Amino acid sequence: PALRLRVLAEVVLRLPRTLRERGRVGRIS
């Protein structure tokens, strides 16, 4: 559980940047 919580925390912290990247991926698709 501790490792998984760290994974979730890292994903949440990176979420704004990841969503911007998702937009860029959509534009080249």
PDB file of all heavy atoms in Angstrom:
ATOM      1  N   PRO A   1       0.806  -1.223   0.000  1.00  0.00           N
ATOM      2  CA  PRO A   1       0.000   0.000   0.000  1.00  0.00           C
ATOM      3  C   PRO A   1       0.843   1.279   0.000  1.00  0.00           C
ATOM      4  O   PRO A   1       0.474   2.261  -0.658  1.00  0.00           O
ATOM      5  CB  PRO A   1      -0.830  -0.121   1.282  1.00  0.00           C
ATOM      6  CG  PRO A   1      -0.923  -1.597   1.531  1.00  0.00           C
ATOM      7  CD  PRO A   1       0.389  -2.154   1.065  1.00  0.00           C
ATOM      8  N   ALA A   2       1.954   1.287   0.722  1.00  0.00           N
ATOM      9  CA  ALA A   2       2.787   2.488   0.773  1.00  0.00           C
ATOM     10  C   ALA A   2       3.363   2.814  -0.602  1.00  0.00           C
ATOM     11  O   ALA A   2       3.410   3.992  -1.006  1.00  0.00           O
ATOM     12  CB  ALA A   2       3.904   2.311   1.796  1.00  0.00           C
ATOM     13  N   LEU A   3       3.821   1.790  -1.313  1.00  0.00           N
ATOM     14  CA  LEU A   3       4.355   2.016  -2.659  1.00  0.00           C
ATOM     15  C   LEU A   3       3.254   2.540  -3.577  1.00  0.00           C
ATOM     16  O   LEU A   3       3.465   3.476  -4.351  1.00  0.00           O
ATOM     17  CB  LEU A   3       4.957   0.726  -3.205  1.00  0.00           C
ATOM     18  CG  LEU A   3       5.591   0.809  -4.604  1.00  0.00           C
ATOM     19  CD1 LEU A   3       6.810  -0.112  -4.687  1.00  0.00           C
ATOM     20  CD2 LEU A   3       4.613   0.445  -5.716  1.00  0.00           C
ATOM     21  N   ARG A   4       2.066   1.956  -3.483  1.00  0.00           N
ATOM     22  CA  ARG A   4       0.970   2.361  -4.356  1.00  0.00           C
ATOM     23  C   ARG A   4       0.515   3.794  -4.044  1.00  0.00           C
ATOM     24  O   ARG A   4       0.169   4.556  -4.947  1.00  0.00           O
ATOM     25  CB  ARG A   4      -0.182   1.370  -4.234  1.00  0.00           C
ATOM     26  CG  ARG A   4       0.174  -0.023  -4.741  1.00  0.00           C
ATOM     27  CD  ARG A   4      -0.953  -1.013  -4.489  1.00  0.00           C
ATOM     28  NE  ARG A   4      -2.101  -0.734  -5.344  1.00  0.00           N
ATOM     29  CZ  ARG A   4      -2.312  -1.269  -6.549  1.00  0.00           C
ATOM     30  NH1 ARG A   4      -1.412  -2.120  -7.061  1.00  0.00           N
ATOM     31  NH2 ARG A   4      -3.397  -0.975  -7.246  1.00  0.00           N
ATOM     32  N   LEU A   5       0.540   4.163  -2.776  1.00  0.00           N
ATOM     33  CA  LEU A   5       0.194   5.531  -2.422  1.00  0.00           C
ATOM     34  C   LEU A   5       1.212   6.513  -3.008  1.00  0.00           C
ATOM     35  O   LEU A   5       0.846   7.612  -3.442  1.00  0.00           O
ATOM     36  CB  LEU A   5       0.117   5.681  -0.905  1.00  0.00           C
ATOM     37  CG  LEU A   5      -1.139   5.107  -0.244  1.00  0.00           C
ATOM     38  CD1 LEU A   5      -0.991   5.123   1.276  1.00  0.00           C
ATOM     39  CD2 LEU A   5      -2.387   5.877  -0.678  1.00  0.00           C
ATOM     40  N   ARG A   6       2.468   6.119  -3.003  1.00  0.00           N
ATOM     41  CA  ARG A   6       3.483   6.986  -3.599  1.00  0.00           C
ATOM     42  C   ARG A   6       3.254   7.117  -5.102  1.00  0.00           C
ATOM     43  O   ARG A   6       3.387   8.207  -5.659  1.00  0.00           O
ATOM     44  CB  ARG A   6       4.875   6.440  -3.324  1.00  0.00           C
ATOM     45  CG  ARG A   6       5.966   7.301  -3.938  1.00  0.00           C
ATOM     46  CD  ARG A   6       7.343   6.991  -3.422  1.00  0.00           C
ATOM     47  NE  ARG A   6       8.321   7.929  -3.955  1.00  0.00           N
ATOM     48  CZ  ARG A   6       9.599   7.937  -3.626  1.00  0.00           C
ATOM     49  NH1 ARG A   6      10.068   7.069  -2.752  1.00  0.00           N
ATOM     50  NH2 ARG A   6      10.423   8.825  -4.164  1.00  0.00           N
ATOM     51  N   VAL A   7       2.895   6.013  -5.752  1.00  0.00           N
ATOM     52  CA  VAL A   7       2.584   6.066  -7.184  1.00  0.00           C
ATOM     53  C   VAL A   7       1.440   7.040  -7.435  1.00  0.00           C
ATOM     54  O   VAL A   7       1.509   7.893  -8.332  1.00  0.00           O
ATOM     55  CB  VAL A   7       2.229   4.656  -7.709  1.00  0.00           C
ATOM     56  CG1 VAL A   7       1.586   4.734  -9.097  1.00  0.00           C
ATOM     57  CG2 VAL A   7       3.478   3.781  -7.763  1.00  0.00           C
ATOM     58  N   LEU A   8       0.371   6.919  -6.649  1.00  0.00           N
ATOM     59  CA  LEU A   8      -0.774   7.806  -6.830  1.00  0.00           C
ATOM     60  C   LEU A   8      -0.382   9.265  -6.614  1.00  0.00           C
ATOM     61  O   LEU A   8      -0.815  10.155  -7.357  1.00  0.00           O
ATOM     62  CB  LEU A   8      -1.896   7.409  -5.872  1.00  0.00           C
ATOM     63  CG  LEU A   8      -2.675   6.145  -6.250  1.00  0.00           C
ATOM     64  CD1 LEU A   8      -3.576   5.711  -5.105  1.00  0.00           C
ATOM     65  CD2 LEU A   8      -3.497   6.388  -7.521  1.00  0.00           C
ATOM     66  N   ALA A   9       0.439   9.507  -5.603  1.00  0.00           N
ATOM     67  CA  ALA A   9       0.878  10.881  -5.339  1.00  0.00           C
ATOM     68  C   ALA A   9       1.674  11.433  -6.512  1.00  0.00           C
ATOM     69  O   ALA A   9       1.489  12.598  -6.924  1.00  0.00           O
ATOM     70  CB  ALA A   9       1.706  10.922  -4.060  1.00  0.00           C
ATOM     71  N   GLU A  10       2.558  10.628  -7.078  1.00  0.00           N
ATOM     72  CA  GLU A  10       3.366  11.091  -8.208  1.00  0.00           C
ATOM     73  C   GLU A  10       2.496  11.348  -9.429  1.00  0.00           C
ATOM     74  O   GLU A  10       2.722  12.314 -10.175  1.00  0.00           O
ATOM     75  CB  GLU A  10       4.454  10.061  -8.521  1.00  0.00           C
ATOM     76  CG  GLU A  10       5.531   9.984  -7.443  1.00  0.00           C
ATOM     77  CD  GLU A  10       6.638   9.011  -7.784  1.00  0.00           C
ATOM     78  OE1 GLU A  10       6.470   8.222  -8.733  1.00  0.00           O
ATOM     79  OE2 GLU A  10       7.672   9.046  -7.110  1.00  0.00           O
ATOM     80  N   VAL A  11       1.499  10.501  -9.660  1.00  0.00           N
ATOM     81  CA  VAL A  11       0.597  10.706 -10.795  1.00  0.00           C
ATOM     82  C   VAL A  11      -0.201  11.996 -10.607  1.00  0.00           C
ATOM     83  O   VAL A  11      -0.337  12.798 -11.543  1.00  0.00           O
ATOM     84  CB  VAL A  11      -0.340   9.497 -10.966  1.00  0.00           C
ATOM     85  CG1 VAL A  11      -1.435   9.801 -11.993  1.00  0.00           C
ATOM     86  CG2 VAL A  11       0.449   8.266 -11.409  1.00  0.00           C
ATOM     87  N   VAL A  12      -0.728  12.220  -9.407  1.00  0.00           N
ATOM     88  CA  VAL A  12      -1.518  13.429  -9.144  1.00  0.00           C
ATOM     89  C   VAL A  12      -0.655  14.687  -9.317  1.00  0.00           C
ATOM     90  O   VAL A  12      -1.093  15.671  -9.928  1.00  0.00           O
ATOM     91  CB  VAL A  12      -2.133  13.370  -7.733  1.00  0.00           C
ATOM     92  CG1 VAL A  12      -2.729  14.727  -7.354  1.00  0.00           C
ATOM     93  CG2 VAL A  12      -3.207  12.287  -7.671  1.00  0.00           C
ATOM     94  N   LEU A  13       0.566  14.661  -8.806  1.00  0.00           N
ATOM     95  CA  LEU A  13       1.450  15.822  -8.943  1.00  0.00           C
ATOM     96  C   LEU A  13       1.771  16.116 -10.405  1.00  0.00           C
ATOM     97  O   LEU A  13       1.947  17.277 -10.782  1.00  0.00           O
ATOM     98  CB  LEU A  13       2.740  15.588  -8.156  1.00  0.00           C
ATOM     99  CG  LEU A  13       2.630  15.686  -6.631  1.00  0.00           C
ATOM    100  CD1 LEU A  13       3.934  15.243  -5.974  1.00  0.00           C
ATOM    101  CD2 LEU A  13       2.288  17.120  -6.206  1.00  0.00           C
ATOM    102  N   ARG A  14       1.836  15.078 -11.221  1.00  0.00           N
ATOM    103  CA  ARG A  14       2.175  15.260 -12.635  1.00  0.00           C
ATOM    104  C   ARG A  14       0.939  15.467 -13.509  1.00  0.00           C
ATOM    105  O   ARG A  14       1.072  15.647 -14.726  1.00  0.00           O
ATOM    106  CB  ARG A  14       2.939  14.027 -13.143  1.00  0.00           C
ATOM    107  CG  ARG A  14       4.302  13.833 -12.485  1.00  0.00           C
ATOM    108  CD  ARG A  14       4.910  12.528 -12.918  1.00  0.00           C
ATOM    109  NE  ARG A  14       6.177  12.290 -12.235  1.00  0.00           N
ATOM    110  CZ  ARG A  14       7.275  11.857 -12.827  1.00  0.00           C
ATOM    111  NH1 ARG A  14       7.254  11.612 -14.124  1.00  0.00           N
ATOM    112  NH2 ARG A  14       8.375  11.662 -12.150  1.00  0.00           N
ATOM    113  N   LEU A  15      -0.237  15.437 -12.912  1.00  0.00           N
ATOM    114  CA  LEU A  15      -1.462  15.455 -13.706  1.00  0.00           C
ATOM    115  C   LEU A  15      -1.598  16.699 -14.587  1.00  0.00           C
ATOM    116  O   LEU A  15      -1.929  16.567 -15.775  1.00  0.00           O
ATOM    117  CB  LEU A  15      -2.675  15.308 -12.789  1.00  0.00           C
ATOM    118  CG  LEU A  15      -4.003  14.965 -13.478  1.00  0.00           C
ATOM    119  CD1 LEU A  15      -3.874  13.691 -14.304  1.00  0.00           C
ATOM    120  CD2 LEU A  15      -5.102  14.809 -12.428  1.00  0.00           C
ATOM    121  N   PRO A  16      -1.363  17.915 -14.088  1.00  0.00           N
ATOM    122  CA  PRO A  16      -1.503  19.083 -14.980  1.00  0.00           C
ATOM    123  C   PRO A  16      -0.595  18.991 -16.215  1.00  0.00           C
ATOM    124  O   PRO A  16      -1.057  19.236 -17.340  1.00  0.00           O
ATOM    125  CB  PRO A  16      -1.124  20.258 -14.081  1.00  0.00           C
ATOM    126  CG  PRO A  16      -1.433  19.783 -12.699  1.00  0.00           C
ATOM    127  CD  PRO A  16      -1.073  18.328 -12.697  1.00  0.00           C
ATOM    128  N   ARG A  17       0.651  18.642 -15.992  1.00  0.00           N
ATOM    129  CA  ARG A  17       1.570  18.513 -17.129  1.00  0.00           C
ATOM    130  C   ARG A  17       1.130  17.382 -18.050  1.00  0.00           C
ATOM    131  O   ARG A  17       1.178  17.522 -19.280  1.00  0.00           O
ATOM    132  CB  ARG A  17       2.983  18.253 -16.612  1.00  0.00           C
ATOM    133  CG  ARG A  17       3.989  17.985 -17.715  1.00  0.00           C
ATOM    134  CD  ARG A  17       5.376  17.724 -17.146  1.00  0.00           C
ATOM    135  NE  ARG A  17       6.310  17.332 -18.184  1.00  0.00           N
ATOM    136  CZ  ARG A  17       7.592  17.062 -17.958  1.00  0.00           C
ATOM    137  NH1 ARG A  17       8.093  17.163 -16.734  1.00  0.00           N
ATOM    138  NH2 ARG A  17       8.388  16.707 -18.958  1.00  0.00           N
ATOM    139  N   THR A  18       0.683  16.278 -17.478  1.00  0.00           N
ATOM    140  CA  THR A  18       0.279  15.126 -18.282  1.00  0.00           C
ATOM    141  C   THR A  18      -0.929  15.460 -19.142  1.00  0.00           C
ATOM    142  O   THR A  18      -1.011  15.036 -20.308  1.00  0.00           O
ATOM    143  CB  THR A  18      -0.022  13.927 -17.364  1.00  0.00           C
ATOM    144  OG1 THR A  18       1.144  13.615 -16.596  1.00  0.00           O
ATOM    145  CG2 THR A  18      -0.429  12.706 -18.171  1.00  0.00           C
ATOM    146  N   LEU A  19      -1.857  16.215 -18.613  1.00  0.00           N
ATOM    147  CA  LEU A  19      -3.025  16.590 -19.398  1.00  0.00           C
ATOM    148  C   LEU A  19      -2.649  17.542 -20.530  1.00  0.00           C
ATOM    149  O   LEU A  19      -3.234  17.487 -21.619  1.00  0.00           O
ATOM    150  CB  LEU A  19      -4.086  17.208 -18.491  1.00  0.00           C
ATOM    151  CG  LEU A  19      -4.711  16.237 -17.480  1.00  0.00           C
ATOM    152  CD1 LEU A  19      -5.732  16.956 -16.615  1.00  0.00           C
ATOM    153  CD2 LEU A  19      -5.348  15.044 -18.190  1.00  0.00           C
ATOM    154  N   ARG A  20      -1.679  18.411 -20.288  1.00  0.00           N
ATOM    155  CA  ARG A  20      -1.194  19.252 -21.391  1.00  0.00           C
ATOM    156  C   ARG A  20      -0.551  18.391 -22.470  1.00  0.00           C
ATOM    157  O   ARG A  20      -0.750  18.641 -23.672  1.00  0.00           O
ATOM    158  CB  ARG A  20      -0.192  20.292 -20.866  1.00  0.00           C
ATOM    159  CG  ARG A  20      -0.822  21.375 -19.990  1.00  0.00           C
ATOM    160  CD  ARG A  20       0.135  22.550 -19.790  1.00  0.00           C
ATOM    161  NE  ARG A  20       1.359  22.147 -19.083  1.00  0.00           N
ATOM    162  CZ  ARG A  20       1.501  22.157 -17.774  1.00  0.00           C
ATOM    163  NH1 ARG A  20       0.485  22.527 -16.994  1.00  0.00           N
ATOM    164  NH2 ARG A  20       2.647  21.814 -17.213  1.00  0.00           N
ATOM    165  N   GLU A  21       0.208  17.398 -22.037  1.00  0.00           N
ATOM    166  CA  GLU A  21       0.829  16.490 -23.001  1.00  0.00           C
ATOM    167  C   GLU A  21      -0.236  15.702 -23.756  1.00  0.00           C
ATOM    168  O   GLU A  21      -0.091  15.436 -24.950  1.00  0.00           O
ATOM    169  CB  GLU A  21       1.785  15.541 -22.269  1.00  0.00           C
ATOM    170  CG  GLU A  21       3.023  16.237 -21.703  1.00  0.00           C
ATOM    171  CD  GLU A  21       3.810  15.361 -20.751  1.00  0.00           C
ATOM    172  OE1 GLU A  21       3.270  14.321 -20.308  1.00  0.00           O
ATOM    173  OE2 GLU A  21       4.964  15.721 -20.441  1.00  0.00           O
ATOM    174  N   ARG A  22      -1.308  15.327 -23.080  1.00  0.00           N
ATOM    175  CA  ARG A  22      -2.403  14.626 -23.743  1.00  0.00           C
ATOM    176  C   ARG A  22      -2.987  15.480 -24.874  1.00  0.00           C
ATOM    177  O   ARG A  22      -3.292  14.984 -25.960  1.00  0.00           O
ATOM    178  CB  ARG A  22      -3.487  14.283 -22.726  1.00  0.00           C
ATOM    179  CG  ARG A  22      -4.702  13.574 -23.323  1.00  0.00           C
ATOM    180  CD  ARG A  22      -5.763  13.278 -22.283  1.00  0.00           C
ATOM    181  NE  ARG A  22      -6.910  12.651 -22.903  1.00  0.00           N
ATOM    182  CZ  ARG A  22      -7.036  11.352 -23.121  1.00  0.00           C
ATOM    183  NH1 ARG A  22      -6.066  10.535 -22.752  1.00  0.00           N
ATOM    184  NH2 ARG A  22      -8.113  10.844 -23.705  1.00  0.00           N
ATOM    185  N   GLY A  23      -3.105  16.791 -24.601  1.00  0.00           N
ATOM    186  CA  GLY A  23      -3.595  17.680 -25.639  1.00  0.00           C
ATOM    187  C   GLY A  23      -2.681  17.718 -26.849  1.00  0.00           C
ATOM    188  O   GLY A  23      -3.148  17.705 -27.994  1.00  0.00           O
ATOM    189  N   ARG A  24      -1.374  17.724 -26.602  1.00  0.00           N
ATOM    190  CA  ARG A  24      -0.421  17.734 -27.720  1.00  0.00           C
ATOM    191  C   ARG A  24      -0.490  16.430 -28.504  1.00  0.00           C
ATOM    192  O   ARG A  24      -0.397  16.434 -29.734  1.00  0.00           O
ATOM    193  CB  ARG A  24       0.995  17.987 -27.199  1.00  0.00           C
ATOM    194  CG  ARG A  24       1.226  19.435 -26.755  1.00  0.00           C
ATOM    195  CD  ARG A  24       2.697  19.726 -26.567  1.00  0.00           C
ATOM    196  NE  ARG A  24       3.233  19.086 -25.366  1.00  0.00           N
ATOM    197  CZ  ARG A  24       3.250  19.645 -24.176  1.00  0.00           C
ATOM    198  NH1 ARG A  24       2.739  20.861 -24.001  1.00  0.00           N
ATOM    199  NH2 ARG A  24       3.770  19.018 -23.137  1.00  0.00           N
ATOM    200  N   VAL A  25      -0.643  15.314 -27.789  1.00  0.00           N
ATOM    201  CA  VAL A  25      -0.779  14.025 -28.475  1.00  0.00           C
ATOM    202  C   VAL A  25      -2.021  14.041 -29.356  1.00  0.00           C
ATOM    203  O   VAL A  25      -1.998  13.563 -30.503  1.00  0.00           O
ATOM    204  CB  VAL A  25      -0.842  12.872 -27.455  1.00  0.00           C
ATOM    205  CG1 VAL A  25      -1.203  11.554 -28.144  1.00  0.00           C
ATOM    206  CG2 VAL A  25       0.491  12.731 -26.726  1.00  0.00           C
ATOM    207  N   GLY A  26      -3.108  14.597 -28.844  1.00  0.00           N
ATOM    208  CA  GLY A  26      -4.331  14.664 -29.636  1.00  0.00           C
ATOM    209  C   GLY A  26      -4.161  15.472 -30.908  1.00  0.00           C
ATOM    210  O   GLY A  26      -4.711  15.119 -31.961  1.00  0.00           O
ATOM    211  N   ARG A  27      -3.368  16.514 -30.836  1.00  0.00           N
ATOM    212  CA  ARG A  27      -3.194  17.381 -32.009  1.00  0.00           C
ATOM    213  C   ARG A  27      -2.365  16.729 -33.109  1.00  0.00           C
ATOM    214  O   ARG A  27      -2.503  17.097 -34.280  1.00  0.00           O
ATOM    215  CB  ARG A  27      -2.567  18.714 -31.585  1.00  0.00           C
ATOM    216  CG  ARG A  27      -3.540  19.606 -30.808  1.00  0.00           C
ATOM    217  CD  ARG A  27      -3.002  21.015 -30.626  1.00  0.00           C
ATOM    218  NE  ARG A  27      -1.897  21.071 -29.666  1.00  0.00           N
ATOM    219  CZ  ARG A  27      -2.044  21.183 -28.363  1.00  0.00           C
ATOM    220  NH1 ARG A  27      -3.257  21.215 -27.832  1.00  0.00           N
ATOM    221  NH2 ARG A  27      -0.996  21.248 -27.551  1.00  0.00           N
ATOM    222  N   ILE A  28      -1.504  15.777 -32.765  1.00  0.00           N
ATOM    223  CA  ILE A  28      -0.699  15.114 -33.804  1.00  0.00           C
ATOM    224  C   ILE A  28      -1.339  13.804 -34.263  1.00  0.00           C
ATOM    225  O   ILE A  28      -0.805  13.127 -35.146  1.00  0.00           O
ATOM    226  CB  ILE A  28       0.745  14.860 -33.321  1.00  0.00           C
ATOM    227  CG1 ILE A  28       0.787  14.000 -32.055  1.00  0.00           C
ATOM    228  CG2 ILE A  28       1.467  16.171 -33.082  1.00  0.00           C
ATOM    229  CD1 ILE A  28       0.884  12.522 -32.266  1.00  0.00           C
ATOM    230  N   SER A  29      -2.473  13.450 -33.688  1.00  0.00           N
ATOM    231  CA  SER A  29      -3.080  12.154 -33.989  1.00  0.00           C
ATOM    232  C   SER A  29      -3.890  12.200 -35.275  1.00  0.00           C
ATOM    233  O   SER A  29      -4.662  13.136 -35.516  1.00  0.00           O
ATOM    234  CB  SER A  29      -3.989  11.720 -32.833  1.00  0.00           C
ATOM    235  OG  SER A  29      -3.242  11.525 -31.652  1.00  0.00           O
TER     236      SER A  29
END
